[in-house]
């Protein structure tokens, strides 16, 4: 490949990235324009974005893109001049044009210069809407000369930006993790051989510098959730319009930053939940009026940091979960619903194949939505919960780690093996009572402050040889806020480690989420807490009530 080809390839990649960002902003502004009418600032923003895309396309010789952008520019100019009114139908046409541009940009880069028949028809519609009343319909044609590229923006006084391949950042993070392991081993060796004070002080300074470097690399990977959350405004608008509903999207916490790898994995689950909120939650305008509600429903996306995790909430002010319908569907599937409390009934919507829709549509009815969401979230070492009130709406709460590359963990030992539990899941630690009884699978229940705490012995679960002399219970939180215990031999305390993926043969091990290399050079397995809790609670429900009653009796007698 020649130097010219390499340079053009780099320019094209920059063009693709800038076009994607520009079209995302254009879509967001058009949705706002539908609400705010002929806002000159919004119209100016869309026009500038279209003009910039046209200029960049012309500089690369993408004639088909130039033609389409030119027709779009003509219509936007009429809107700016107030010779054409902004209507919902016109905004819908402009949004379809954005969709067409999303197809045209990669096609042009791939060498497909022409427009498809559907794109030509859309181009013709743009041209007819841009034509003043009484004038002949223009025939879209290639401009006589390529449009001048957009003028270069003035240099901003704010932070400077640089596009970096994510693979390079991943490698940098891996290297900082390897450095941390190496320096921990070196520090331990120096302490063992009794190094002099000056050497140990130098080693301490290296430790501080390495820790600062790791934090800076982590910060470089953080991106705001703004773009990820705002893209759902189009989803809410289009789905509500298709169902004859009215709905708006409200976003809170869009400046909250999270690791870019988390954003990549959470995009599809978020789409599932937003579509579910509009489809199942928001009522028709007439029904909302009868209930004294605003005919236009609201779907809220909220993000915040909480104890080293990122919390996302997807809330709607719609009908809420229908308890009786959920119970009816559960009974039809042969589930015993007699002992379910309110929280357990609501969590049934996350079960595979569970749906309360009366008919199968393009949006719902097959029961493959929220169960997929739960599996995907748990695969990210996260958790998902739900709360709902009839007639007031539903809120789904997703809790995720800030990064998938480094884990704040709690080290424990079982025999000679070391395991890491995600720190955000740990509630407290206590000694296992000597009188604790269990079944043949290493499961049991103990009393904790008058309540029943189910637990599972990791020694039995992982078939670790030997007998523990002293055992501890690590109390961990469940998705619904309840707790369970993991019984271990020793507590090593908090630790920060770089996550290493398991090999292909070990990726589906039950209860294991990954691995980490300790300062000693040994490998520790990272526990999948939700899977382990499912094992701890399986079959324990029969005795849970009896333990709770015994604890209550004991409290009364005291």
Protein backbone atom coordinates (compact mmCIF):
# COMPACT_ATOMS: atom_id res chain seq x y z
CA UNK A 1 0.00 0.00 0.00
CA UNK A 2 1.41 3.38 -1.02
CA UNK A 3 1.77 6.39 1.27
CA UNK A 4 -1.08 8.09 -0.62
CA UNK A 5 -3.38 5.12 -0.05
CA UNK A 6 -2.51 5.03 3.64
CA UNK A 7 -3.18 8.75 3.96
CA UNK A 8 -6.52 8.48 2.13
CA UNK A 9 -7.54 5.52 4.28
CA UNK A 10 -6.89 7.58 7.43
CA UNK A 11 -8.91 10.50 5.99
CA UNK A 12 -11.81 8.18 5.12
CA UNK A 13 -11.86 6.71 8.64
CA UNK A 14 -12.01 10.22 10.08
CA UNK A 15 -14.82 11.06 7.63
CA UNK A 16 -16.79 8.00 8.78
CA UNK A 17 -16.42 8.89 12.46
CA UNK A 18 -17.36 12.55 11.93
CA UNK A 19 -20.33 11.64 9.73
CA UNK A 20 -21.66 9.22 12.34
CA UNK A 21 -21.39 11.85 15.08
CA UNK A 22 -22.96 14.54 12.87
CA UNK A 23 -25.93 12.37 11.89
CA UNK A 24 -26.55 11.46 15.54
CA UNK A 25 -26.68 15.16 16.45
CA UNK A 26 -28.86 15.91 13.42
CA UNK A 27 -31.38 13.27 14.48
CA UNK A 28 -31.49 14.60 18.03
CA UNK A 29 -32.00 18.20 16.85
CA UNK A 30 -34.78 17.22 14.44
CA UNK A 31 -36.70 15.51 17.25
CA UNK A 32 -36.34 18.68 19.34
CA UNK A 33 -37.47 20.74 16.32
CA UNK A 34 -40.74 18.79 16.19
CA UNK A 35 -41.53 20.03 19.70
CA UNK A 36 -40.09 23.54 19.54
CA UNK A 37 -41.35 24.44 16.08
CA UNK A 38 -39.44 26.85 13.86
CA UNK A 39 -36.55 27.45 16.27
CA UNK A 40 -33.93 29.31 14.21
CA UNK A 41 -31.05 27.96 16.31
CA UNK A 42 -32.11 24.34 15.77
CA UNK A 43 -32.67 24.91 12.05
CA UNK A 44 -29.25 26.52 11.78
CA UNK A 45 -27.61 23.57 13.51
CA UNK A 46 -29.19 21.02 11.16
CA UNK A 47 -28.29 23.13 8.13
CA UNK A 48 -24.64 23.43 9.21
CA UNK A 49 -24.39 19.68 9.79
CA UNK A 50 -25.81 18.92 6.35
CA UNK A 51 -23.51 21.49 4.74
CA UNK A 52 -20.46 20.05 6.50
CA UNK A 53 -21.32 16.51 5.39
CA UNK A 54 -21.81 17.74 1.82
CA UNK A 55 -18.48 19.54 1.81
CA UNK A 56 -16.58 16.57 3.25
CA UNK A 57 -18.25 14.23 0.75
CA UNK A 58 -17.34 16.52 -2.15
CA UNK A 59 -13.70 16.61 -1.07
CA UNK A 60 -13.59 12.80 -1.25
CA UNK A 61 -15.48 12.62 -4.55
CA UNK A 62 -18.65 10.97 -3.21
CA UNK A 63 -21.05 12.43 -5.80
CA UNK A 64 -24.13 10.47 -4.69
CA UNK A 65 -23.78 11.79 -1.16
CA UNK A 66 -23.28 15.32 -2.48
CA UNK A 67 -26.52 15.09 -4.49
CA UNK A 68 -28.53 13.91 -1.51
CA UNK A 69 -27.05 16.46 0.90
CA UNK A 70 -27.65 19.22 -1.64
CA UNK A 71 -31.38 18.39 -1.84
CA UNK A 72 -31.58 18.20 1.95
CA UNK A 73 -29.80 21.54 2.20
CA UNK A 74 -32.32 23.15 -0.17
CA UNK A 75 -35.26 22.06 2.00
CA UNK A 76 -33.54 23.20 5.20
CA UNK A 77 -32.87 26.58 3.61
CA UNK A 78 -36.60 26.95 2.84
CA UNK A 79 -37.35 26.15 6.49
CA UNK A 80 -34.86 28.79 7.64
CA UNK A 81 -36.49 31.34 5.34
CA UNK A 82 -39.93 30.42 6.79
CA UNK A 83 -41.23 29.76 3.25
CA UNK A 84 -41.99 26.18 4.33
CA UNK A 85 -43.61 25.40 7.69
CA UNK A 86 -42.25 22.85 10.13
CA UNK A 87 -44.77 20.02 10.54
CA UNK A 88 -44.64 16.54 12.04
CA UNK A 89 -44.84 15.02 8.56
CA UNK A 90 -41.93 17.15 7.38
CA UNK A 91 -39.84 16.21 10.43
CA UNK A 92 -40.62 12.56 9.71
CA UNK A 93 -39.34 13.08 6.14
CA UNK A 94 -36.14 14.70 7.44
CA UNK A 95 -35.61 11.82 9.88
CA UNK A 96 -35.99 9.36 6.98
CA UNK A 97 -33.34 11.39 5.19
CA UNK A 98 -30.99 10.92 8.15
CA UNK A 99 -31.61 7.17 7.93
CA UNK A 100 -30.82 7.27 4.21
CA UNK A 101 -27.59 9.17 4.89
CA UNK A 102 -26.59 6.49 7.41
CA UNK A 103 -26.85 4.00 4.54
CA UNK A 104 -25.22 6.24 1.94
CA UNK A 105 -22.10 7.11 3.95
CA UNK A 106 -20.67 3.56 4.35
CA UNK A 107 -21.89 2.66 0.85
CA UNK A 108 -19.95 5.58 -0.65
CA UNK A 109 -16.84 4.61 1.29
CA UNK A 110 -17.24 1.06 -0.02
CA UNK A 111 -17.35 2.30 -3.63
CA UNK A 112 -21.12 2.33 -4.28
CA UNK A 113 -21.59 5.81 -5.71
CA UNK A 114 -25.18 5.57 -6.94
CA UNK A 115 -28.45 5.86 -5.03
CA UNK A 116 -30.95 3.04 -4.67
CA UNK A 117 -34.47 3.37 -6.09
CA UNK A 118 -35.85 4.09 -2.60
CA UNK A 119 -33.20 6.75 -2.01
CA UNK A 120 -33.99 8.36 -5.39
CA UNK A 121 -37.68 8.53 -4.44
CA UNK A 122 -36.77 10.11 -1.11
CA UNK A 123 -34.52 12.58 -2.94
CA UNK A 124 -37.43 13.51 -5.19
CA UNK A 125 -39.69 14.10 -2.17
CA UNK A 126 -37.09 16.40 -0.63
CA UNK A 127 -36.82 18.36 -3.87
CA UNK A 128 -40.63 18.73 -4.21
CA UNK A 129 -41.00 19.98 -0.62
CA UNK A 130 -38.19 22.48 -1.22
CA UNK A 131 -39.83 23.85 -4.38
CA UNK A 132 -41.67 27.20 -3.89
CA UNK A 133 -45.41 27.10 -4.61
CA UNK A 134 -46.13 27.39 -8.33
CA UNK A 135 -42.65 26.51 -9.47
CA UNK A 136 -41.94 23.49 -11.61
CA UNK A 137 -40.72 20.43 -9.81
CA UNK A 138 -36.96 20.28 -10.17
CA UNK A 139 -35.21 17.20 -11.39
CA UNK A 140 -32.50 16.23 -8.94
CA UNK A 141 -29.20 16.41 -10.68
CA UNK A 142 -25.57 16.46 -9.82
CA UNK A 143 -24.41 20.02 -9.07
CA UNK A 144 -22.32 21.62 -11.80
CA UNK A 145 -19.37 21.78 -9.47
CA UNK A 146 -18.70 20.14 -6.13
CA UNK A 147 -19.71 22.27 -3.22
CA UNK A 148 -16.97 24.04 -1.39
CA UNK A 149 -15.89 22.23 1.74
CA UNK A 150 -17.24 23.70 4.93
CA UNK A 151 -14.99 26.38 6.40
CA UNK A 152 -12.64 25.12 9.06
CA UNK A 153 -13.93 25.90 12.54
CA UNK A 154 -12.01 28.26 14.72
CA UNK A 155 -9.65 26.64 17.16
CA UNK A 156 -11.50 26.02 20.41
CA UNK A 157 -10.03 27.21 23.66
CA UNK A 158 -11.30 24.14 25.56
CA UNK A 159 -9.70 20.70 25.92
CA UNK A 160 -8.06 19.35 22.79
CA UNK A 161 -9.24 15.98 21.44
CA UNK A 162 -7.47 13.07 19.78
CA UNK A 163 -9.02 9.92 18.30
CA UNK A 164 -7.33 6.80 19.63
CA UNK A 165 -8.07 3.24 18.64
CA UNK A 166 -9.75 1.38 21.51
CA UNK A 167 -7.42 -1.57 21.01
CA UNK A 168 -4.47 0.64 21.93
CA UNK A 169 -6.18 1.74 25.14
CA UNK A 170 -6.95 -1.91 25.96
CA UNK A 171 -3.30 -2.80 25.50
CA UNK A 172 -2.18 0.14 27.65
CA UNK A 173 -4.52 -1.01 30.41
CA UNK A 174 -3.19 -4.56 30.16
CA UNK A 175 0.35 -3.25 30.47
CA UNK A 176 -0.47 -1.19 33.56
CA UNK A 177 -1.97 -4.32 35.07
CA UNK A 178 1.15 -6.34 34.28
CA UNK A 179 3.29 -3.56 35.78
CA UNK A 180 1.19 -3.65 38.96
CA UNK A 181 1.73 -7.39 39.28
CA UNK A 182 5.47 -7.07 38.68
CA UNK A 183 5.93 -4.25 41.20
CA UNK A 184 3.94 -6.14 43.85
CA UNK A 185 6.22 -9.15 43.44
CA UNK A 186 9.29 -6.90 43.57
CA UNK A 187 8.10 -5.18 46.75
CA UNK A 188 7.44 -8.52 48.43
CA UNK A 189 10.91 -9.79 47.45
CA UNK A 190 12.57 -6.63 48.80
CA UNK A 191 10.72 -7.01 52.08
CA UNK A 192 11.76 -10.67 52.35
CA UNK A 193 15.46 -9.99 51.76
CA UNK A 194 15.40 -6.95 54.05
CA UNK A 195 16.26 -4.18 51.60
CA UNK A 196 17.58 -0.93 53.04
CA UNK A 197 15.30 2.03 53.67
CA UNK A 198 16.37 4.01 50.59
CA UNK A 199 15.56 1.13 48.24
CA UNK A 200 12.14 0.58 49.84
CA UNK A 201 11.36 4.31 49.58
CA UNK A 202 12.28 4.25 45.89
CA UNK A 203 10.04 1.23 45.42
CA UNK A 204 7.21 3.10 47.15
CA UNK A 205 7.64 6.04 44.79
CA UNK A 206 7.47 3.67 41.80
CA UNK A 207 4.26 2.21 43.25
CA UNK A 208 2.66 5.66 43.50
CA UNK A 209 3.66 6.57 39.94
CA UNK A 210 2.36 3.30 38.55
CA UNK A 211 -0.93 3.70 40.38
CA UNK A 212 -1.31 7.22 39.01
CA UNK A 213 -0.54 5.96 35.48
CA UNK A 214 -3.20 3.27 35.79
CA UNK A 215 -5.76 5.82 36.94
CA UNK A 216 -4.92 8.12 34.01
CA UNK A 217 -5.33 5.25 31.54
CA UNK A 218 -8.69 4.41 33.10
CA UNK A 219 -9.79 8.05 32.78
CA UNK A 220 -8.83 8.02 29.10
CA UNK A 221 -11.30 5.17 28.57
CA UNK A 222 -14.20 7.00 30.21
CA UNK A 223 -16.80 8.61 27.96
CA UNK A 224 -20.05 10.42 28.89
CA UNK A 225 -23.33 8.57 28.45
CA UNK A 226 -24.78 11.56 26.56
CA UNK A 227 -24.74 10.05 23.06
CA UNK A 228 -25.87 6.61 24.25
CA UNK A 229 -28.90 8.01 26.08
CA UNK A 230 -29.92 10.67 23.59
CA UNK A 231 -30.15 8.25 20.67
CA UNK A 232 -33.26 6.75 22.30
CA UNK A 233 -35.24 9.94 21.70
CA UNK A 234 -35.81 8.70 18.14
CA UNK A 235 -36.86 5.26 19.43
CA UNK A 236 -39.48 6.76 21.75
CA UNK A 237 -40.81 9.13 19.10
CA UNK A 238 -41.12 6.60 16.28
CA UNK A 239 -42.59 3.78 18.39
CA UNK A 240 -45.13 6.05 20.07
CA UNK A 241 -46.22 7.47 16.69
CA UNK A 242 -46.57 3.97 15.22
CA UNK A 243 -48.89 2.94 18.09
CA UNK A 244 -50.98 6.10 18.14
CA UNK A 245 -49.46 7.19 21.44
CA UNK A 246 -47.74 10.35 22.62
CA UNK A 247 -44.48 10.06 24.51
CA UNK A 248 -41.40 12.11 25.28
CA UNK A 249 -37.95 11.12 26.54
CA UNK A 250 -36.44 12.81 29.59
CA UNK A 251 -32.74 12.31 30.31
CA UNK A 252 -31.00 12.88 33.64
CA UNK A 253 -27.29 12.40 34.27
CA UNK A 254 -26.14 12.40 30.65
CA UNK A 255 -22.70 13.70 31.70
CA UNK A 256 -22.04 10.65 33.89
CA UNK A 257 -18.92 8.91 32.55
CA UNK A 258 -18.42 5.18 32.16
CA UNK A 259 -15.88 2.90 30.50
CA UNK A 260 -16.38 2.73 26.75
CA UNK A 261 -16.49 -1.09 26.85
CA UNK A 262 -19.52 -0.93 29.16
CA UNK A 263 -21.32 1.41 26.75
CA UNK A 264 -20.80 -1.02 23.88
CA UNK A 265 -22.42 -3.86 25.82
CA UNK A 266 -25.30 -1.92 27.37
CA UNK A 267 -26.65 -0.34 24.17
CA UNK A 268 -28.88 -3.26 23.13
CA UNK A 269 -30.35 -3.93 26.62
CA UNK A 270 -31.20 -0.23 26.90
CA UNK A 271 -33.02 -0.34 23.56
CA UNK A 272 -35.04 -3.38 24.73
CA UNK A 273 -36.09 -1.61 27.93
CA UNK A 274 -36.97 1.71 26.29
CA UNK A 275 -39.12 0.00 23.65
CA UNK A 276 -40.76 -2.09 26.37
CA UNK A 277 -41.59 1.07 28.36
CA UNK A 278 -43.38 2.64 25.39
CA UNK A 279 -45.09 -0.55 24.24
CA UNK A 280 -46.25 -1.98 27.60
CA UNK A 281 -46.15 1.07 29.85
CA UNK A 282 -47.42 4.21 28.10
CA UNK A 283 -51.20 4.24 27.57
CA UNK A 284 -53.13 5.75 24.66
CA UNK A 285 -53.83 9.50 25.01
CA UNK A 286 -57.59 9.01 25.56
CA UNK A 287 -56.99 6.54 28.37
CA UNK A 288 -54.44 8.83 30.04
CA UNK A 289 -56.94 11.72 29.91
CA UNK A 290 -59.58 9.57 31.62
CA UNK A 291 -57.10 8.88 34.41
CA UNK A 292 -56.27 12.55 34.82
CA UNK A 293 -52.79 12.17 33.33
CA UNK A 294 -50.97 14.25 30.73
CA UNK A 295 -51.93 12.69 27.37
CA UNK A 296 -48.23 12.68 26.51
CA UNK A 297 -46.42 10.03 28.52
CA UNK A 298 -42.85 10.29 29.76
CA UNK A 299 -40.02 7.77 29.56
CA UNK A 300 -37.10 8.78 31.76
CA UNK A 301 -33.51 7.62 31.44
CA UNK A 302 -31.50 8.39 34.57
CA UNK A 303 -27.82 7.71 35.22
CA UNK A 304 -25.73 8.19 38.36
CA UNK A 305 -22.64 6.90 40.13
CA UNK A 306 -23.17 4.91 43.31
CA UNK A 307 -20.47 3.21 45.39
CA UNK A 308 -18.12 2.52 42.51
CA UNK A 309 -20.86 1.41 40.13
CA UNK A 310 -23.02 3.02 37.46
CA UNK A 311 -26.78 2.92 38.06
CA UNK A 312 -29.18 3.28 35.11
CA UNK A 313 -32.91 3.69 35.63
CA UNK A 314 -35.50 3.31 32.88
CA UNK A 315 -38.79 4.68 34.19
CA UNK A 316 -42.20 5.38 32.65
CA UNK A 317 -45.34 7.02 34.05
CA UNK A 318 -47.65 4.51 32.42
CA UNK A 319 -49.99 1.78 33.59
CA UNK A 320 -47.49 -0.20 35.66
CA UNK A 321 -47.31 -3.99 35.82
CA UNK A 322 -50.63 -5.81 35.83
CA UNK A 323 -50.32 -8.17 38.81
CA UNK A 324 -53.32 -10.32 37.89
CA UNK A 325 -52.23 -10.75 34.29
CA UNK A 326 -48.72 -11.74 35.39
CA UNK A 327 -50.14 -14.31 37.83
CA UNK A 328 -52.49 -15.65 35.17
CA UNK A 329 -49.65 -16.15 32.69
CA UNK A 330 -47.53 -17.75 35.41
CA UNK A 331 -50.27 -20.24 36.26
CA UNK A 332 -50.72 -21.10 32.57
CA UNK A 333 -47.03 -21.98 32.49
CA UNK A 334 -47.46 -24.27 35.47
CA UNK A 335 -45.76 -22.10 38.08
CA UNK A 336 -46.77 -22.26 41.74
CA UNK A 337 -47.67 -18.65 42.56
CA UNK A 338 -49.17 -19.21 46.01
CA UNK A 339 -45.98 -18.35 47.93
CA UNK A 340 -44.75 -15.47 45.78
CA UNK A 341 -44.46 -12.04 47.36
CA UNK A 342 -44.98 -8.77 45.44
CA UNK A 343 -41.32 -8.45 44.44
CA UNK A 344 -41.09 -12.05 43.20
CA UNK A 345 -44.27 -11.59 41.13
CA UNK A 346 -42.81 -8.53 39.42
CA UNK A 347 -39.52 -10.32 38.72
CA UNK A 348 -41.41 -13.01 36.77
CA UNK A 349 -41.30 -10.67 33.73
CA UNK A 350 -37.56 -11.44 33.51
CA UNK A 351 -38.16 -15.18 33.08
CA UNK A 352 -37.43 -16.70 29.64
CA UNK A 353 -40.46 -16.80 27.37
CA UNK A 354 -42.63 -14.77 29.77
CA UNK A 355 -44.84 -12.12 28.16
CA UNK A 356 -48.11 -10.45 29.13
CA UNK A 357 -48.84 -9.24 25.60
CA UNK A 358 -52.16 -10.49 24.22
CA UNK A 359 -50.84 -10.83 20.68
CA UNK A 360 -47.50 -11.12 18.94
CA UNK A 361 -46.47 -7.87 17.24
CA UNK A 362 -43.28 -6.49 15.74
CA UNK A 363 -42.43 -5.04 19.16
CA UNK A 364 -43.49 -7.64 21.73
CA UNK A 365 -45.37 -10.80 22.52
CA UNK A 366 -42.75 -13.50 22.13
CA UNK A 367 -41.25 -13.23 25.61
CA UNK A 368 -37.66 -12.74 24.45
CA UNK A 369 -37.12 -9.20 25.74
CA UNK A 370 -36.47 -8.77 29.44
CA UNK A 371 -34.94 -12.22 29.97
CA UNK A 372 -32.33 -11.32 27.34
CA UNK A 373 -31.79 -8.02 29.15
CA UNK A 374 -31.14 -9.82 32.44
CA UNK A 375 -28.71 -12.31 30.88
CA UNK A 376 -26.78 -9.56 29.12
CA UNK A 377 -26.58 -7.41 32.25
CA UNK A 378 -25.42 -10.32 34.41
CA UNK A 379 -22.79 -11.13 31.78
CA UNK A 380 -21.36 -7.66 32.52
CA UNK A 381 -21.13 -8.50 36.25
CA UNK A 382 -24.19 -6.33 36.78
CA UNK A 383 -27.65 -6.74 38.23
CA UNK A 384 -31.16 -5.70 37.23
CA UNK A 385 -34.23 -5.11 39.36
CA UNK A 386 -37.75 -3.79 38.89
CA UNK A 387 -40.37 -1.89 40.88
CA UNK A 388 -43.84 -0.94 39.75
CA UNK A 389 -47.09 0.56 41.03
CA UNK A 390 -50.37 0.02 39.19
CA UNK A 391 -51.43 3.18 37.38
CA UNK A 392 -48.24 5.05 38.24
CA UNK A 393 -45.57 3.39 36.13
CA UNK A 394 -42.62 1.03 36.18
CA UNK A 395 -38.92 1.54 36.87
CA UNK A 396 -36.18 -0.89 35.89
CA UNK A 397 -32.92 -0.43 37.80
CA UNK A 398 -29.66 -1.61 36.22
CA UNK A 399 -26.43 -1.61 38.21
CA UNK A 400 -23.15 -2.06 36.31
CA UNK A 401 -19.43 -1.85 37.08
CA UNK A 402 -17.77 1.36 35.90
CA UNK A 403 -15.30 -0.69 33.89
CA UNK A 404 -15.03 -4.24 32.60
CA UNK A 405 -11.23 -4.15 32.68
CA UNK A 406 -10.45 -3.63 36.38
CA UNK A 407 -12.37 -5.01 39.33
CA UNK A 408 -12.55 -3.67 42.87
CA UNK A 409 -12.73 -7.01 44.62
CA UNK A 410 -12.72 -8.74 47.96
CA UNK A 411 -10.22 -11.59 48.19
CA UNK A 412 -11.17 -14.84 49.96
CA UNK A 413 -9.53 -18.24 50.26
CA UNK A 414 -10.90 -21.78 50.24
CA UNK A 415 -8.15 -24.27 50.99
CA UNK A 416 -5.13 -23.28 48.90
CA UNK A 417 -7.27 -21.50 46.29
CA UNK A 418 -7.96 -17.76 46.17
CA UNK A 419 -11.14 -16.24 44.78
CA UNK A 420 -12.22 -12.63 44.16
CA UNK A 421 -15.76 -11.40 44.90
CA UNK A 422 -16.83 -8.08 43.26
CA UNK A 423 -16.67 -5.54 46.07
CA UNK A 424 -19.98 -3.88 45.20
CA UNK A 425 -21.76 -7.17 45.99
CA UNK A 426 -20.24 -7.55 49.49
CA UNK A 427 -22.41 -6.34 52.39
CA UNK A 428 -20.55 -7.66 55.45
CA UNK A 429 -18.52 -10.57 56.82
CA UNK A 430 -19.09 -12.72 59.91
CA UNK A 431 -18.05 -16.05 61.39
CA UNK A 432 -20.13 -19.11 60.57
CA UNK A 433 -21.96 -20.24 63.73
CA UNK A 434 -20.81 -23.62 65.01
CA UNK A 435 -24.39 -24.89 65.14
CA UNK A 436 -25.08 -24.12 61.45
CA UNK A 437 -26.70 -27.10 59.71
CA UNK A 438 -26.73 -27.81 56.00
CA UNK A 439 -27.98 -30.26 53.41
CA UNK A 440 -25.81 -32.66 51.45
CA UNK A 441 -25.01 -30.03 48.82
CA UNK A 442 -23.27 -27.56 51.13
CA UNK A 443 -26.33 -25.33 51.46
CA UNK A 444 -27.97 -24.13 54.63
CA UNK A 445 -29.64 -21.25 56.43
CA UNK A 446 -28.51 -19.28 59.49
CA UNK A 447 -30.19 -16.56 61.49
CA UNK A 448 -28.89 -13.03 60.93
CA UNK A 449 -30.37 -10.30 63.14
CA UNK A 450 -33.72 -12.08 63.31
CA UNK A 451 -33.86 -12.91 59.60
CA UNK A 452 -33.04 -15.99 57.55
CA UNK A 453 -29.78 -15.94 55.57
CA UNK A 454 -29.34 -18.78 53.06
CA UNK A 455 -25.73 -19.73 52.32
CA UNK A 456 -23.60 -22.09 50.26
CA UNK A 457 -20.13 -23.50 51.09
CA UNK A 458 -17.68 -22.73 48.31
CA UNK A 459 -15.50 -25.64 49.46
CA UNK A 460 -18.32 -28.08 48.69
CA UNK A 461 -19.48 -26.25 45.57
CA UNK A 462 -16.00 -26.23 43.97
CA UNK A 463 -14.98 -29.65 45.40
CA UNK A 464 -11.92 -28.27 47.23
CA UNK A 465 -10.17 -30.99 49.25
CA UNK A 466 -9.54 -30.70 52.99
CA UNK A 467 -11.46 -29.50 56.03
CA UNK A 468 -11.61 -25.89 57.21
CA UNK A 469 -10.70 -25.15 60.84
CA UNK A 470 -12.46 -21.80 60.91
CA UNK A 471 -15.04 -20.58 58.44
CA UNK A 472 -16.41 -17.16 57.56
CA UNK A 473 -19.59 -16.03 55.84
CA UNK A 474 -19.30 -13.28 53.23
CA UNK A 475 -22.77 -11.74 53.00
CA UNK A 476 -23.52 -10.66 49.45
CA UNK A 477 -26.46 -8.78 47.97
CA UNK A 478 -28.97 -10.21 45.54
CA UNK A 479 -30.50 -8.33 42.60
CA UNK A 480 -33.67 -7.66 44.58
CA UNK A 481 -31.84 -6.30 47.63
CA UNK A 482 -32.09 -9.52 49.66
CA UNK A 483 -28.92 -11.23 50.88
CA UNK A 484 -27.22 -14.61 50.87
CA UNK A 485 -23.93 -15.96 52.21
CA UNK A 486 -20.82 -17.51 50.69
CA UNK A 487 -18.88 -19.61 53.21
CA UNK A 488 -15.07 -19.39 52.85
CA UNK A 489 -12.00 -20.30 54.93
CA UNK A 490 -10.10 -16.99 55.02
CA UNK A 491 -10.69 -13.31 54.31
CA UNK A 492 -7.90 -11.48 52.44
CA UNK A 493 -9.66 -8.11 52.18
CA UNK A 494 -10.07 -5.53 49.41
CA UNK A 495 -8.00 -5.76 46.26
CA UNK A 496 -7.91 -4.10 42.85
CA UNK A 497 -7.05 -6.43 40.00
CA UNK A 498 -7.05 -6.42 36.21
CA UNK A 499 -9.58 -8.87 34.79
CA UNK A 500 -8.22 -11.51 32.46
CA UNK A 501 -10.64 -13.39 30.19
CA UNK A 502 -10.94 -17.13 30.62
CA UNK A 503 -9.86 -19.42 27.81
CA UNK A 504 -12.42 -20.79 25.39
CA UNK A 505 -12.68 -24.09 27.27
CA UNK A 506 -13.55 -22.37 30.56
CA UNK A 507 -15.81 -19.48 29.49
CA UNK A 508 -19.03 -21.23 30.51
CA UNK A 509 -17.96 -22.48 33.92
CA UNK A 510 -20.91 -21.98 36.29
CA UNK A 511 -20.23 -19.41 38.99
CA UNK A 512 -17.02 -18.05 37.41
CA UNK A 513 -16.92 -14.63 35.72
CA UNK A 514 -13.22 -14.33 34.88
CA UNK A 515 -9.73 -14.53 36.32
CA UNK A 516 -7.11 -12.21 37.78
CA UNK A 517 -3.38 -12.44 38.41
CA UNK A 518 -2.42 -11.76 42.02
CA UNK A 519 0.66 -9.95 43.24
CA UNK A 520 2.21 -13.32 43.99
CA UNK A 521 1.86 -14.30 40.34
CA UNK A 522 -0.88 -16.85 41.08
CA UNK A 523 -4.20 -16.89 39.27
CA UNK A 524 -7.41 -16.15 41.19
CA UNK A 525 -10.89 -16.83 39.84
CA UNK A 526 -13.49 -14.04 39.91
CA UNK A 527 -16.82 -15.30 41.20
CA UNK A 528 -20.10 -14.78 39.33
CA UNK A 529 -22.19 -13.77 42.35
CA UNK A 530 -25.69 -13.97 40.73
CA UNK A 531 -25.05 -17.56 39.59
CA UNK A 532 -23.70 -18.56 42.99
CA UNK A 533 -26.68 -16.99 44.75
CA UNK A 534 -29.06 -18.89 42.52
CA UNK A 535 -27.28 -22.04 43.66
CA UNK A 536 -27.35 -20.95 47.31
CA UNK A 537 -31.09 -20.27 47.24
CA UNK A 538 -32.11 -23.32 45.19
CA UNK A 539 -33.99 -25.70 47.44
CA UNK A 540 -33.51 -23.50 50.50
CA UNK A 541 -37.00 -21.97 50.40
CA UNK A 542 -38.61 -24.87 52.31
CA UNK A 543 -36.55 -24.24 55.44
CA UNK A 544 -36.28 -20.46 55.22
CA UNK A 545 -39.64 -19.87 56.82
CA UNK A 546 -38.90 -22.24 59.69
CA UNK A 547 -35.59 -20.51 60.49
CA UNK A 548 -37.32 -17.13 60.47
CA UNK A 549 -39.99 -18.43 62.85
CA UNK A 550 -37.35 -19.90 65.15
CA UNK A 551 -35.47 -16.59 65.18
CA UNK A 552 -38.70 -14.73 65.99
CA UNK A 553 -39.48 -17.13 68.84
CA UNK A 554 -35.95 -16.69 70.22
CA UNK A 555 -36.28 -12.90 70.10
CA UNK A 556 -39.61 -13.01 71.96
CA UNK A 557 -38.26 -15.34 74.66
CA UNK A 558 -35.37 -12.97 75.29
